[in-house]
């Protein structure tokens, strides 16, 4: 069973999804902005935690 089907993504997939570098994702994790799960030496992110991070950091636009 893949980690994606279990609701987990690796750092590379998270970086691609957010369109940022892997270093940025690791910094978000280090700063406590995105919680991590470590399984078998791999750092993984729960999809729900990623969705929460996106929602908290979503830019709001105001109509002019």
C-alpha atoms as a PDB file:
ATOM      1  CA  UNK A   1       0.000   0.000   0.000  1.00  0.00           C
ATOM      2  CA  UNK A   2       1.389   3.422  -0.924  1.00  0.00           C
ATOM      3  CA  UNK A   3       1.695   6.252   1.559  1.00  0.00           C
ATOM      4  CA  UNK A   4      -0.585   8.399  -0.622  1.00  0.00           C
ATOM      5  CA  UNK A   5      -3.425   5.925  -0.242  1.00  0.00           C
ATOM      6  CA  UNK A   6      -2.867   6.160   3.527  1.00  0.00           C
ATOM      7  CA  UNK A   7      -3.208   9.961   3.431  1.00  0.00           C
ATOM      8  CA  UNK A   8       0.524  10.719   3.635  1.00  0.00           C
ATOM      9  CA  UNK A   9       2.829  12.583   1.240  1.00  0.00           C
ATOM     10  CA  UNK A  10       6.618  12.756   1.081  1.00  0.00           C
ATOM     11  CA  UNK A  11       8.577  16.009   1.162  1.00  0.00           C
ATOM     12  CA  UNK A  12       9.125  16.021  -2.620  1.00  0.00           C
ATOM     13  CA  UNK A  13       5.407  15.680  -3.390  1.00  0.00           C
ATOM     14  CA  UNK A  14       4.502  18.339  -0.830  1.00  0.00           C
ATOM     15  CA  UNK A  15       7.074  20.707  -2.373  1.00  0.00           C
ATOM     16  CA  UNK A  16       5.696  20.104  -5.867  1.00  0.00           C
ATOM     17  CA  UNK A  17       2.124  20.571  -4.667  1.00  0.00           C
ATOM     18  CA  UNK A  18       2.964  23.882  -2.959  1.00  0.00           C
ATOM     19  CA  UNK A  19       5.317  24.918  -5.794  1.00  0.00           C
ATOM     20  CA  UNK A  20       8.161  25.550  -3.343  1.00  0.00           C
ATOM     21  CA  UNK A  21      11.553  23.946  -2.747  1.00  0.00           C
ATOM     22  CA  UNK A  22      12.082  20.932  -0.507  1.00  0.00           C
ATOM     23  CA  UNK A  23      14.148  23.252   1.705  1.00  0.00           C
ATOM     24  CA  UNK A  24      11.085  25.445   2.193  1.00  0.00           C
ATOM     25  CA  UNK A  25       8.977  22.451   3.184  1.00  0.00           C
ATOM     26  CA  UNK A  26      11.648  21.364   5.665  1.00  0.00           C
ATOM     27  CA  UNK A  27      11.735  24.910   7.059  1.00  0.00           C
ATOM     28  CA  UNK A  28       7.936  24.900   7.486  1.00  0.00           C
ATOM     29  CA  UNK A  29       8.294  21.624   9.382  1.00  0.00           C
ATOM     30  CA  UNK A  30      11.192  22.918  11.523  1.00  0.00           C
ATOM     31  CA  UNK A  31       9.212  26.054  12.385  1.00  0.00           C
ATOM     32  CA  UNK A  32       6.219  23.954  13.421  1.00  0.00           C
ATOM     33  CA  UNK A  33       3.994  25.208  10.592  1.00  0.00           C
ATOM     34  CA  UNK A  34       3.424  21.723   9.165  1.00  0.00           C
ATOM     35  CA  UNK A  35       3.468  18.675  11.478  1.00  0.00           C
ATOM     36  CA  UNK A  36       5.435  15.653  10.297  1.00  0.00           C
ATOM     37  CA  UNK A  37       5.215  11.906  10.708  1.00  0.00           C
ATOM     38  CA  UNK A  38       8.376   9.796  10.530  1.00  0.00           C
ATOM     39  CA  UNK A  39       7.948   6.228   9.362  1.00  0.00           C
ATOM     40  CA  UNK A  40      10.898   4.012   8.534  1.00  0.00           C
ATOM     41  CA  UNK A  41      13.207   7.008   8.419  1.00  0.00           C
ATOM     42  CA  UNK A  42      11.002   8.862   5.923  1.00  0.00           C
ATOM     43  CA  UNK A  43       9.501  12.219   6.762  1.00  0.00           C
ATOM     44  CA  UNK A  44       5.863  12.295   5.704  1.00  0.00           C
ATOM     45  CA  UNK A  45       3.071  14.847   5.894  1.00  0.00           C
ATOM     46  CA  UNK A  46      -0.569  14.003   6.527  1.00  0.00           C
ATOM     47  CA  UNK A  47      -2.727  15.347   3.713  1.00  0.00           C
ATOM     48  CA  UNK A  48      -5.113  16.811   6.310  1.00  0.00           C
ATOM     49  CA  UNK A  49      -2.231  18.739   7.926  1.00  0.00           C
ATOM     50  CA  UNK A  50      -1.187  20.050   4.500  1.00  0.00           C
ATOM     51  CA  UNK A  51      -4.772  21.166   3.790  1.00  0.00           C
ATOM     52  CA  UNK A  52      -4.872  22.930   7.177  1.00  0.00           C
ATOM     53  CA  UNK A  53      -1.580  24.695   6.414  1.00  0.00           C
ATOM     54  CA  UNK A  54      -2.911  25.869   3.038  1.00  0.00           C
ATOM     55  CA  UNK A  55      -6.162  27.108   4.563  1.00  0.00           C
ATOM     56  CA  UNK A  56      -4.346  29.059   7.296  1.00  0.00           C
ATOM     57  CA  UNK A  57      -2.012  30.674   4.749  1.00  0.00           C
ATOM     58  CA  UNK A  58      -4.473  31.280   1.946  1.00  0.00           C
ATOM     59  CA  UNK A  59      -4.265  34.804   0.612  1.00  0.00           C
ATOM     60  CA  UNK A  60      -7.547  36.623   0.707  1.00  0.00           C
ATOM     61  CA  UNK A  61      -8.303  39.008  -2.101  1.00  0.00           C
ATOM     62  CA  UNK A  62     -10.484  42.044  -1.682  1.00  0.00           C
ATOM     63  CA  UNK A  63     -12.651  43.420  -4.445  1.00  0.00           C
ATOM     64  CA  UNK A  64     -11.642  46.883  -5.561  1.00  0.00           C
END
